């Protein structure tokens, strides 16, 4: 699925199953909540915190998909074409960081 297809699919789901978009501020709060759930799994599974028994069945991919879903909702609501935005962002990073990372002794 392309990013455009994902934006269209999420919009279709919202229009049929979700009834309507939550407002932008509600979705921003929901995005923060979903990112927190990903952070909890990462800290416990890959970081130094111990993983609680109740967290061991958490699906990291599903939690990341929740983040992506809400991010796409926000993009749709605010008229952001995520394909174009990502392409421009990668161009910016490439120009800015063309030698920065390869010259970083910490990454060698």
PDB file of N, CA and C in Angstrom:
ATOM      1  N   UNK A   1       0.848  -1.173   0.000  1.00  0.00           N
ATOM      2  CA  UNK A   1       0.000   0.000   0.000  1.00  0.00           C
ATOM      3  C   UNK A   1       0.896   1.240   0.000  1.00  0.00           C
ATOM      4  N   UNK A   2       0.590   2.171  -0.867  1.00  0.00           N
ATOM      5  CA  UNK A   2       1.336   3.436  -0.888  1.00  0.00           C
ATOM      6  C   UNK A   2       0.841   4.323   0.251  1.00  0.00           C
ATOM      7  N   UNK A   3       1.578   5.388   0.504  1.00  0.00           N
ATOM      8  CA  UNK A   3       1.150   6.336   1.537  1.00  0.00           C
ATOM      9  C   UNK A   3      -0.178   6.972   1.125  1.00  0.00           C
ATOM     10  N   UNK A   4      -0.308   7.334  -0.147  1.00  0.00           N
ATOM     11  CA  UNK A   4      -1.557   7.918  -0.652  1.00  0.00           C
ATOM     12  C   UNK A   4      -2.718   6.948  -0.459  1.00  0.00           C
ATOM     13  N   UNK A   5      -2.494   5.683  -0.783  1.00  0.00           N
ATOM     14  CA  UNK A   5      -3.539   4.673  -0.588  1.00  0.00           C
ATOM     15  C   UNK A   5      -3.907   4.552   0.887  1.00  0.00           C
ATOM     16  N   UNK A   6      -2.900   4.640   1.755  1.00  0.00           N
ATOM     17  CA  UNK A   6      -3.164   4.576   3.201  1.00  0.00           C
ATOM     18  C   UNK A   6      -4.005   5.775   3.634  1.00  0.00           C
ATOM     19  N   UNK A   7      -3.665   6.957   3.128  1.00  0.00           N
ATOM     20  CA  UNK A   7      -4.457   8.140   3.484  1.00  0.00           C
ATOM     21  C   UNK A   7      -5.902   7.986   3.007  1.00  0.00           C
ATOM     22  N   UNK A   8      -6.080   7.475   1.795  1.00  0.00           N
ATOM     23  CA  UNK A   8      -7.431   7.264   1.266  1.00  0.00           C
ATOM     24  C   UNK A   8      -8.180   6.190   2.047  1.00  0.00           C
ATOM     25  N   UNK A   9      -7.487   5.116   2.398  1.00  0.00           N
ATOM     26  CA  UNK A   9      -8.123   4.016   3.130  1.00  0.00           C
ATOM     27  C   UNK A   9      -8.558   4.463   4.525  1.00  0.00           C
ATOM     28  N   UNK A  10      -7.705   5.203   5.213  1.00  0.00           N
ATOM     29  CA  UNK A  10      -8.065   5.717   6.538  1.00  0.00           C
ATOM     30  C   UNK A  10      -9.255   6.665   6.417  1.00  0.00           C
ATOM     31  N   UNK A  11      -9.243   7.530   5.404  1.00  0.00           N
ATOM     32  CA  UNK A  11     -10.354   8.447   5.214  1.00  0.00           C
ATOM     33  C   UNK A  11     -11.652   7.677   4.962  1.00  0.00           C
ATOM     34  N   UNK A  12     -11.587   6.646   4.149  1.00  0.00           N
ATOM     35  CA  UNK A  12     -12.767   5.824   3.900  1.00  0.00           C
ATOM     36  C   UNK A  12     -13.273   5.157   5.165  1.00  0.00           C
ATOM     37  N   UNK A  13     -12.358   4.672   5.972  1.00  0.00           N
ATOM     38  CA  UNK A  13     -12.746   4.022   7.229  1.00  0.00           C
ATOM     39  C   UNK A  13     -13.418   5.035   8.156  1.00  0.00           C
ATOM     40  N   UNK A  14     -12.839   6.215   8.245  1.00  0.00           N
ATOM     41  CA  UNK A  14     -13.415   7.258   9.106  1.00  0.00           C
ATOM     42  C   UNK A  14     -14.826   7.606   8.632  1.00  0.00           C
ATOM     43  N   UNK A  15     -15.007   7.768   7.322  1.00  0.00           N
ATOM     44  CA  UNK A  15     -16.307   8.185   6.779  1.00  0.00           C
ATOM     45  C   UNK A  15     -17.382   7.117   6.954  1.00  0.00           C
ATOM     46  N   UNK A  16     -16.985   5.835   7.022  1.00  0.00           N
ATOM     47  CA  UNK A  16     -17.984   4.766   7.115  1.00  0.00           C
ATOM     48  C   UNK A  16     -18.101   4.193   8.524  1.00  0.00           C
ATOM     49  N   UNK A  17     -17.001   3.813   9.085  1.00  0.00           N
ATOM     50  CA  UNK A  17     -16.997   3.147  10.390  1.00  0.00           C
ATOM     51  C   UNK A  17     -16.802   4.125  11.534  1.00  0.00           C
ATOM     52  N   UNK A  18     -15.937   5.084  11.335  1.00  0.00           N
ATOM     53  CA  UNK A  18     -15.624   6.034  12.402  1.00  0.00           C
ATOM     54  C   UNK A  18     -16.602   7.187  12.512  1.00  0.00           C
ATOM     55  N   UNK A  19     -17.521   7.308  11.581  1.00  0.00           N
ATOM     56  CA  UNK A  19     -18.543   8.348  11.498  1.00  0.00           C
ATOM     57  C   UNK A  19     -17.944   9.690  11.087  1.00  0.00           C
ATOM     58  N   UNK A  20     -16.969  10.201  11.846  1.00  0.00           N
ATOM     59  CA  UNK A  20     -16.295  11.455  11.509  1.00  0.00           C
ATOM     60  C   UNK A  20     -14.950  11.486  12.223  1.00  0.00           C
ATOM     61  N   UNK A  21     -14.107  12.396  11.789  1.00  0.00           N
ATOM     62  CA  UNK A  21     -12.823  12.590  12.468  1.00  0.00           C
ATOM     63  C   UNK A  21     -13.062  13.238  13.825  1.00  0.00           C
ATOM     64  N   UNK A  22     -12.283  12.831  14.823  1.00  0.00           N
ATOM     65  CA  UNK A  22     -12.218  13.610  16.056  1.00  0.00           C
ATOM     66  C   UNK A  22     -11.542  14.927  15.690  1.00  0.00           C
ATOM     67  N   UNK A  23     -11.733  15.968  16.481  1.00  0.00           N
ATOM     68  CA  UNK A  23     -11.071  17.223  16.129  1.00  0.00           C
ATOM     69  C   UNK A  23      -9.550  17.068  16.244  1.00  0.00           C
ATOM     70  N   UNK A  24      -8.857  18.025  15.660  1.00  0.00           N
ATOM     71  CA  UNK A  24      -7.397  17.933  15.557  1.00  0.00           C
ATOM     72  C   UNK A  24      -6.713  17.859  16.917  1.00  0.00           C
ATOM     73  N   UNK A  25      -7.195  18.606  17.879  1.00  0.00           N
ATOM     74  CA  UNK A  25      -6.558  18.572  19.199  1.00  0.00           C
ATOM     75  C   UNK A  25      -6.790  17.235  19.902  1.00  0.00           C
ATOM     76  N   UNK A  26      -7.983  16.669  19.725  1.00  0.00           N
ATOM     77  CA  UNK A  26      -8.241  15.337  20.287  1.00  0.00           C
ATOM     78  C   UNK A  26      -7.314  14.320  19.635  1.00  0.00           C
ATOM     79  N   UNK A  27      -7.175  14.397  18.315  1.00  0.00           N
ATOM     80  CA  UNK A  27      -6.281  13.457  17.630  1.00  0.00           C
ATOM     81  C   UNK A  27      -4.828  13.672  18.029  1.00  0.00           C
ATOM     82  N   UNK A  28      -4.440  14.907  18.300  1.00  0.00           N
ATOM     83  CA  UNK A  28      -3.071  15.154  18.763  1.00  0.00           C
ATOM     84  C   UNK A  28      -2.842  14.484  20.118  1.00  0.00           C
ATOM     85  N   UNK A  29      -3.826  14.586  21.007  1.00  0.00           N
ATOM     86  CA  UNK A  29      -3.721  13.920  22.308  1.00  0.00           C
ATOM     87  C   UNK A  29      -3.680  12.411  22.127  1.00  0.00           C
ATOM     88  N   UNK A  30      -4.494  11.899  21.196  1.00  0.00           N
ATOM     89  CA  UNK A  30      -4.502  10.458  20.943  1.00  0.00           C
ATOM     90  C   UNK A  30      -3.161   9.997  20.364  1.00  0.00           C
ATOM     91  N   UNK A  31      -2.559  10.819  19.494  1.00  0.00           N
ATOM     92  CA  UNK A  31      -1.251  10.477  18.937  1.00  0.00           C
ATOM     93  C   UNK A  31      -0.213  10.383  20.050  1.00  0.00           C
ATOM     94  N   UNK A  32      -0.246  11.328  20.957  1.00  0.00           N
ATOM     95  CA  UNK A  32       0.682  11.312  22.085  1.00  0.00           C
ATOM     96  C   UNK A  32       0.489  10.055  22.927  1.00  0.00           C
ATOM     97  N   UNK A  33      -0.753   9.695  23.162  1.00  0.00           N
ATOM     98  CA  UNK A  33      -1.055   8.485  23.922  1.00  0.00           C
ATOM     99  C   UNK A  33      -0.520   7.244  23.216  1.00  0.00           C
ATOM    100  N   UNK A  34      -0.741   7.163  21.915  1.00  0.00           N
ATOM    101  CA  UNK A  34      -0.281   5.989  21.160  1.00  0.00           C
ATOM    102  C   UNK A  34       1.240   5.908  21.125  1.00  0.00           C
ATOM    103  N   UNK A  35       1.914   7.051  20.975  1.00  0.00           N
ATOM    104  CA  UNK A  35       3.381   7.066  21.007  1.00  0.00           C
ATOM    105  C   UNK A  35       3.865   6.593  22.374  1.00  0.00           C
ATOM    106  N   UNK A  36       3.153   6.986  23.424  1.00  0.00           N
ATOM    107  CA  UNK A  36       3.504   6.530  24.772  1.00  0.00           C
ATOM    108  C   UNK A  36       3.413   5.020  24.906  1.00  0.00           C
ATOM    109  N   UNK A  37       2.424   4.419  24.259  1.00  0.00           N
ATOM    110  CA  UNK A  37       2.293   2.960  24.309  1.00  0.00           C
ATOM    111  C   UNK A  37       3.459   2.285  23.590  1.00  0.00           C
ATOM    112  N   UNK A  38       3.898   2.859  22.470  1.00  0.00           N
ATOM    113  CA  UNK A  38       5.074   2.326  21.781  1.00  0.00           C
ATOM    114  C   UNK A  38       6.302   2.491  22.671  1.00  0.00           C
ATOM    115  N   UNK A  39       6.434   3.649  23.299  1.00  0.00           N
ATOM    116  CA  UNK A  39       7.585   3.914  24.171  1.00  0.00           C
ATOM    117  C   UNK A  39       7.630   2.931  25.336  1.00  0.00           C
ATOM    118  N   UNK A  40       6.467   2.618  25.886  1.00  0.00           N
ATOM    119  CA  UNK A  40       6.417   1.666  27.010  1.00  0.00           C
ATOM    120  C   UNK A  40       6.954   0.302  26.587  1.00  0.00           C
ATOM    121  N   UNK A  41       6.519  -0.177  25.435  1.00  0.00           N
ATOM    122  CA  UNK A  41       7.007  -1.474  24.944  1.00  0.00           C
ATOM    123  C   UNK A  41       8.505  -1.407  24.686  1.00  0.00           C
ATOM    124  N   UNK A  42       8.961  -0.353  24.032  1.00  0.00           N
ATOM    125  CA  UNK A  42      10.382  -0.230  23.709  1.00  0.00           C
ATOM    126  C   UNK A  42      11.236  -0.185  24.970  1.00  0.00           C
ATOM    127  N   UNK A  43      10.804   0.596  25.961  1.00  0.00           N
ATOM    128  CA  UNK A  43      11.575   0.729  27.204  1.00  0.00           C
ATOM    129  C   UNK A  43      11.676  -0.589  27.946  1.00  0.00           C
ATOM    130  N   UNK A  44      10.607  -1.369  27.891  1.00  0.00           N
ATOM    131  CA  UNK A  44      10.592  -2.616  28.646  1.00  0.00           C
ATOM    132  C   UNK A  44      11.178  -3.790  27.864  1.00  0.00           C
ATOM    133  N   UNK A  45      10.956  -3.805  26.580  1.00  0.00           N
ATOM    134  CA  UNK A  45      11.422  -4.928  25.775  1.00  0.00           C
ATOM    135  C   UNK A  45      12.857  -4.760  25.313  1.00  0.00           C
ATOM    136  N   UNK A  46      13.251  -3.524  25.002  1.00  0.00           N
ATOM    137  CA  UNK A  46      14.580  -3.282  24.443  1.00  0.00           C
ATOM    138  C   UNK A  46      15.446  -2.410  25.334  1.00  0.00           C
ATOM    139  N   UNK A  47      14.839  -1.759  26.309  1.00  0.00           N
ATOM    140  CA  UNK A  47      15.574  -0.901  27.220  1.00  0.00           C
ATOM    141  C   UNK A  47      15.896  -1.631  28.517  1.00  0.00           C
ATOM    142  N   UNK A  48      16.142  -0.871  29.528  1.00  0.00           N
ATOM    143  CA  UNK A  48      16.606  -1.430  30.791  1.00  0.00           C
ATOM    144  C   UNK A  48      15.489  -1.710  31.786  1.00  0.00           C
ATOM    145  N   UNK A  49      14.274  -1.249  31.508  1.00  0.00           N
ATOM    146  CA  UNK A  49      13.172  -1.550  32.421  1.00  0.00           C
ATOM    147  C   UNK A  49      12.757  -3.010  32.251  1.00  0.00           C
ATOM    148  N   UNK A  50      12.313  -3.606  33.344  1.00  0.00           N
ATOM    149  CA  UNK A  50      11.837  -4.981  33.240  1.00  0.00           C
ATOM    150  C   UNK A  50      10.444  -4.978  32.627  1.00  0.00           C
ATOM    151  N   UNK A  51      10.187  -6.008  31.844  1.00  0.00           N
ATOM    152  CA  UNK A  51       8.889  -6.120  31.176  1.00  0.00           C
ATOM    153  C   UNK A  51       7.903  -6.821  32.096  1.00  0.00           C
ATOM    154  N   UNK A  52       6.790  -6.156  32.335  1.00  0.00           N
ATOM    155  CA  UNK A  52       5.755  -6.745  33.172  1.00  0.00           C
ATOM    156  C   UNK A  52       5.083  -7.884  32.420  1.00  0.00           C
ATOM    157  N   UNK A  53       4.586  -8.831  33.153  1.00  0.00           N
ATOM    158  CA  UNK A  53       3.901  -9.967  32.543  1.00  0.00           C
ATOM    159  C   UNK A  53       2.767  -9.484  31.625  1.00  0.00           C
ATOM    160  N   UNK A  54       2.057  -8.445  32.062  1.00  0.00           N
ATOM    161  CA  UNK A  54       0.923  -7.936  31.282  1.00  0.00           C
ATOM    162  C   UNK A  54       1.365  -7.248  29.988  1.00  0.00           C
ATOM    163  N   UNK A  55       2.650  -6.894  29.884  1.00  0.00           N
ATOM    164  CA  UNK A  55       3.153  -6.238  28.680  1.00  0.00           C
ATOM    165  C   UNK A  55       3.731  -7.218  27.660  1.00  0.00           C
ATOM    166  N   UNK A  56       3.981  -8.443  28.069  1.00  0.00           N
ATOM    167  CA  UNK A  56       4.676  -9.387  27.195  1.00  0.00           C
ATOM    168  C   UNK A  56       3.871  -9.781  25.962  1.00  0.00           C
ATOM    169  N   UNK A  57       2.563  -9.670  26.028  1.00  0.00           N
ATOM    170  CA  UNK A  57       1.732 -10.017  24.876  1.00  0.00           C
ATOM    171  C   UNK A  57       1.421  -8.821  23.983  1.00  0.00           C
ATOM    172  N   UNK A  58       1.935  -7.651  24.328  1.00  0.00           N
ATOM    173  CA  UNK A  58       1.673  -6.454  23.534  1.00  0.00           C
ATOM    174  C   UNK A  58       2.356  -6.595  22.168  1.00  0.00           C
ATOM    175  N   UNK A  59       1.632  -6.237  21.135  1.00  0.00           N
ATOM    176  CA  UNK A  59       2.121  -6.338  19.758  1.00  0.00           C
ATOM    177  C   UNK A  59       2.696  -4.984  19.341  1.00  0.00           C
ATOM    178  N   UNK A  60       4.018  -4.906  19.243  1.00  0.00           N
ATOM    179  CA  UNK A  60       4.686  -3.658  18.899  1.00  0.00           C
ATOM    180  C   UNK A  60       4.216  -3.144  17.536  1.00  0.00           C
ATOM    181  N   UNK A  61       4.074  -4.022  16.579  1.00  0.00           N
ATOM    182  CA  UNK A  61       3.621  -3.611  15.255  1.00  0.00           C
ATOM    183  C   UNK A  61       2.232  -3.009  15.294  1.00  0.00           C
ATOM    184  N   UNK A  62       1.349  -3.600  16.079  1.00  0.00           N
ATOM    185  CA  UNK A  62      -0.014  -3.074  16.210  1.00  0.00           C
ATOM    186  C   UNK A  62       0.006  -1.693  16.844  1.00  0.00           C
ATOM    187  N   UNK A  63       0.857  -1.511  17.848  1.00  0.00           N
ATOM    188  CA  UNK A  63       0.953  -0.207  18.501  1.00  0.00           C
ATOM    189  C   UNK A  63       1.539   0.837  17.554  1.00  0.00           C
ATOM    190  N   UNK A  64       2.515   0.447  16.742  1.00  0.00           N
ATOM    191  CA  UNK A  64       3.070   1.368  15.748  1.00  0.00           C
ATOM    192  C   UNK A  64       2.009   1.713  14.706  1.00  0.00           C
ATOM    193  N   UNK A  65       1.195   0.738  14.333  1.00  0.00           N
ATOM    194  CA  UNK A  65       0.109   0.996  13.377  1.00  0.00           C
ATOM    195  C   UNK A  65      -0.907   1.974  13.962  1.00  0.00           C
ATOM    196  N   UNK A  66      -1.159   1.898  15.267  1.00  0.00           N
ATOM    197  CA  UNK A  66      -2.039   2.874  15.914  1.00  0.00           C
ATOM    198  C   UNK A  66      -1.476   4.287  15.765  1.00  0.00           C
ATOM    199  N   UNK A  67      -0.158   4.428  15.950  1.00  0.00           N
ATOM    200  CA  UNK A  67       0.496   5.729  15.782  1.00  0.00           C
ATOM    201  C   UNK A  67       0.315   6.213  14.347  1.00  0.00           C
ATOM    202  N   UNK A  68       0.572   5.325  13.399  1.00  0.00           N
ATOM    203  CA  UNK A  68       0.463   5.684  11.990  1.00  0.00           C
ATOM    204  C   UNK A  68      -0.968   6.073  11.627  1.00  0.00           C
ATOM    205  N   UNK A  69      -1.942   5.336  12.135  1.00  0.00           N
ATOM    206  CA  UNK A  69      -3.346   5.620  11.863  1.00  0.00           C
ATOM    207  C   UNK A  69      -3.715   7.035  12.307  1.00  0.00           C
ATOM    208  N   UNK A  70      -3.363   7.386  13.538  1.00  0.00           N
ATOM    209  CA  UNK A  70      -3.717   8.707  14.049  1.00  0.00           C
ATOM    210  C   UNK A  70      -2.928   9.790  13.315  1.00  0.00           C
ATOM    211  N   UNK A  71      -1.677   9.530  12.983  1.00  0.00           N
ATOM    212  CA  UNK A  71      -0.893  10.494  12.214  1.00  0.00           C
ATOM    213  C   UNK A  71      -1.532  10.737  10.848  1.00  0.00           C
ATOM    214  N   UNK A  72      -1.994   9.677  10.210  1.00  0.00           N
ATOM    215  CA  UNK A  72      -2.681   9.813   8.926  1.00  0.00           C
ATOM    216  C   UNK A  72      -3.977  10.599   9.094  1.00  0.00           C
ATOM    217  N   UNK A  73      -4.702  10.345  10.167  1.00  0.00           N
ATOM    218  CA  UNK A  73      -5.913  11.134  10.431  1.00  0.00           C
ATOM    219  C   UNK A  73      -5.576  12.619  10.498  1.00  0.00           C
ATOM    220  N   UNK A  74      -4.544  12.966  11.228  1.00  0.00           N
ATOM    221  CA  UNK A  74      -4.141  14.370  11.348  1.00  0.00           C
ATOM    222  C   UNK A  74      -3.731  14.952  10.001  1.00  0.00           C
ATOM    223  N   UNK A  75      -3.020  14.167   9.205  1.00  0.00           N
ATOM    224  CA  UNK A  75      -2.623  14.633   7.875  1.00  0.00           C
ATOM    225  C   UNK A  75      -3.859  14.892   7.015  1.00  0.00           C
ATOM    226  N   UNK A  76      -4.785  13.961   7.044  1.00  0.00           N
ATOM    227  CA  UNK A  76      -6.007  14.125   6.257  1.00  0.00           C
ATOM    228  C   UNK A  76      -6.780  15.368   6.695  1.00  0.00           C
ATOM    229  N   UNK A  77      -6.886  15.566   7.986  1.00  0.00           N
ATOM    230  CA  UNK A  77      -7.643  16.692   8.522  1.00  0.00           C
ATOM    231  C   UNK A  77      -7.026  18.039   8.175  1.00  0.00           C
ATOM    232  N   UNK A  78      -5.713  18.072   8.090  1.00  0.00           N
ATOM    233  CA  UNK A  78      -5.014  19.341   7.896  1.00  0.00           C
ATOM    234  C   UNK A  78      -4.546  19.532   6.449  1.00  0.00           C
ATOM    235  N   UNK A  79      -4.935  18.617   5.568  1.00  0.00           N
ATOM    236  CA  UNK A  79      -4.609  18.756   4.152  1.00  0.00           C
ATOM    237  C   UNK A  79      -3.169  18.462   3.797  1.00  0.00           C
ATOM    238  N   UNK A  80      -2.495  17.660   4.591  1.00  0.00           N
ATOM    239  CA  UNK A  80      -1.102  17.318   4.317  1.00  0.00           C
ATOM    240  C   UNK A  80      -1.049  16.057   3.453  1.00  0.00           C
ATOM    241  N   UNK A  81      -0.363  16.160   2.326  1.00  0.00           N
ATOM    242  CA  UNK A  81      -0.082  15.007   1.469  1.00  0.00           C
ATOM    243  C   UNK A  81       1.200  14.384   2.016  1.00  0.00           C
ATOM    244  N   UNK A  82       1.064  13.273   2.704  1.00  0.00           N
ATOM    245  CA  UNK A  82       2.223  12.679   3.377  1.00  0.00           C
ATOM    246  C   UNK A  82       3.285  12.183   2.407  1.00  0.00           C
ATOM    247  N   UNK A  83       2.900  11.761   1.211  1.00  0.00           N
ATOM    248  CA  UNK A  83       3.893  11.334   0.219  1.00  0.00           C
ATOM    249  C   UNK A  83       4.794  12.505  -0.130  1.00  0.00           C
ATOM    250  N   UNK A  84       4.184  13.626  -0.485  1.00  0.00           N
ATOM    251  CA  UNK A  84       4.941  14.826  -0.836  1.00  0.00           C
ATOM    252  C   UNK A  84       5.762  15.323   0.352  1.00  0.00           C
ATOM    253  N   UNK A  85       5.151  15.328   1.530  1.00  0.00           N
ATOM    254  CA  UNK A  85       5.852  15.804   2.725  1.00  0.00           C
ATOM    255  C   UNK A  85       7.075  14.944   3.028  1.00  0.00           C
ATOM    256  N   UNK A  86       6.945  13.625   2.903  1.00  0.00           N
ATOM    257  CA  UNK A  86       8.075  12.733   3.179  1.00  0.00           C
ATOM    258  C   UNK A  86       9.164  12.911   2.130  1.00  0.00           C
ATOM    259  N   UNK A  87       8.774  13.034   0.867  1.00  0.00           N
ATOM    260  CA  UNK A  87       9.775  13.244  -0.182  1.00  0.00           C
ATOM    261  C   UNK A  87      10.562  14.524   0.067  1.00  0.00           C
ATOM    262  N   UNK A  88       9.868  15.614   0.388  1.00  0.00           N
ATOM    263  CA  UNK A  88      10.543  16.888   0.670  1.00  0.00           C
ATOM    264  C   UNK A  88      11.421  16.779   1.917  1.00  0.00           C
ATOM    265  N   UNK A  89      10.945  16.045   2.917  1.00  0.00           N
ATOM    266  CA  UNK A  89      11.710  15.886   4.144  1.00  0.00           C
ATOM    267  C   UNK A  89      12.996  15.108   3.894  1.00  0.00           C
ATOM    268  N   UNK A  90      12.911  14.062   3.070  1.00  0.00           N
ATOM    269  CA  UNK A  90      14.116  13.283   2.750  1.00  0.00           C
ATOM    270  C   UNK A  90      15.114  14.117   1.947  1.00  0.00           C
ATOM    271  N   UNK A  91      14.608  14.954   1.035  1.00  0.00           N
ATOM    272  CA  UNK A  91      15.494  15.859   0.287  1.00  0.00           C
ATOM    273  C   UNK A  91      16.209  16.813   1.242  1.00  0.00           C
ATOM    274  N   UNK A  92      15.462  17.360   2.197  1.00  0.00           N
ATOM    275  CA  UNK A  92      16.048  18.280   3.182  1.00  0.00           C
ATOM    276  C   UNK A  92      17.129  17.572   3.996  1.00  0.00           C
ATOM    277  N   UNK A  93      16.815  16.375   4.473  1.00  0.00           N
ATOM    278  CA  UNK A  93      17.781  15.629   5.287  1.00  0.00           C
ATOM    279  C   UNK A  93      19.018  15.268   4.475  1.00  0.00           C
ATOM    280  N   UNK A  94      18.827  14.904   3.217  1.00  0.00           N
ATOM    281  CA  UNK A  94      19.954  14.529   2.361  1.00  0.00           C
ATOM    282  C   UNK A  94      20.879  15.720   2.151  1.00  0.00           C
ATOM    283  N   UNK A  95      20.296  16.877   1.868  1.00  0.00           N
ATOM    284  CA  UNK A  95      21.117  18.072   1.666  1.00  0.00           C
ATOM    285  C   UNK A  95      21.820  18.477   2.961  1.00  0.00           C
ATOM    286  N   UNK A  96      21.116  18.444   4.045  1.00  0.00           N
ATOM    287  CA  UNK A  96      21.661  18.892   5.331  1.00  0.00           C
ATOM    288  C   UNK A  96      22.699  17.919   5.884  1.00  0.00           C
ATOM    289  N   UNK A  97      22.434  16.634   5.713  1.00  0.00           N
ATOM    290  CA  UNK A  97      23.257  15.624   6.376  1.00  0.00           C
ATOM    291  C   UNK A  97      24.135  14.821   5.420  1.00  0.00           C
ATOM    292  N   UNK A  98      24.392  15.355   4.221  1.00  0.00           N
ATOM    293  CA  UNK A  98      25.111  14.570   3.209  1.00  0.00           C
ATOM    294  C   UNK A  98      26.447  14.027   3.712  1.00  0.00           C
ATOM    295  N   UNK A  99      27.137  14.760   4.570  1.00  0.00           N
ATOM    296  CA  UNK A  99      28.403  14.253   5.112  1.00  0.00           C
ATOM    297  C   UNK A  99      28.399  14.184   6.634  1.00  0.00           C
ATOM    298  N   UNK A 100      27.389  14.762   7.243  1.00  0.00           N
ATOM    299  CA  UNK A 100      27.365  14.853   8.709  1.00  0.00           C
ATOM    300  C   UNK A 100      27.477  13.489   9.381  1.00  0.00           C
ATOM    301  N   UNK A 101      26.690  12.525   8.944  1.00  0.00           N
ATOM    302  CA  UNK A 101      26.695  11.223   9.604  1.00  0.00           C
ATOM    303  C   UNK A 101      27.931  10.402   9.231  1.00  0.00           C
ATOM    304  N   UNK A 102      28.338  10.489   7.972  1.00  0.00           N
ATOM    305  CA  UNK A 102      29.520   9.720   7.562  1.00  0.00           C
ATOM    306  C   UNK A 102      30.795  10.261   8.205  1.00  0.00           C
ATOM    307  N   UNK A 103      30.794  11.519   8.608  1.00  0.00           N
ATOM    308  CA  UNK A 103      31.949  12.110   9.291  1.00  0.00           C
ATOM    309  C   UNK A 103      31.854  12.038  10.803  1.00  0.00           C
ATOM    310  N   UNK A 104      30.811  11.440  11.322  1.00  0.00           N
ATOM    311  CA  UNK A 104      30.619  11.358  12.763  1.00  0.00           C
ATOM    312  C   UNK A 104      31.383  10.147  13.304  1.00  0.00           C
ATOM    313  N   UNK A 105      32.444  10.353  14.092  1.00  0.00           N
ATOM    314  CA  UNK A 105      33.220   9.227  14.616  1.00  0.00           C
ATOM    315  C   UNK A 105      32.424   8.328  15.541  1.00  0.00           C
ATOM    316  N   UNK A 106      31.345   8.841  16.116  1.00  0.00           N
ATOM    317  CA  UNK A 106      30.516   8.027  17.000  1.00  0.00           C
ATOM    318  C   UNK A 106      29.754   6.953  16.244  1.00  0.00           C
ATOM    319  N   UNK A 107      29.599   7.134  14.930  1.00  0.00           N
ATOM    320  CA  UNK A 107      28.838   6.172  14.133  1.00  0.00           C
ATOM    321  C   UNK A 107      29.720   5.168  13.411  1.00  0.00           C
ATOM    322  N   UNK A 108      31.018   5.264  13.618  1.00  0.00           N
ATOM    323  CA  UNK A 108      31.936   4.347  12.918  1.00  0.00           C
ATOM    324  C   UNK A 108      32.311   3.180  13.770  1.00  0.00           C
TER     325      UNK A 108
END
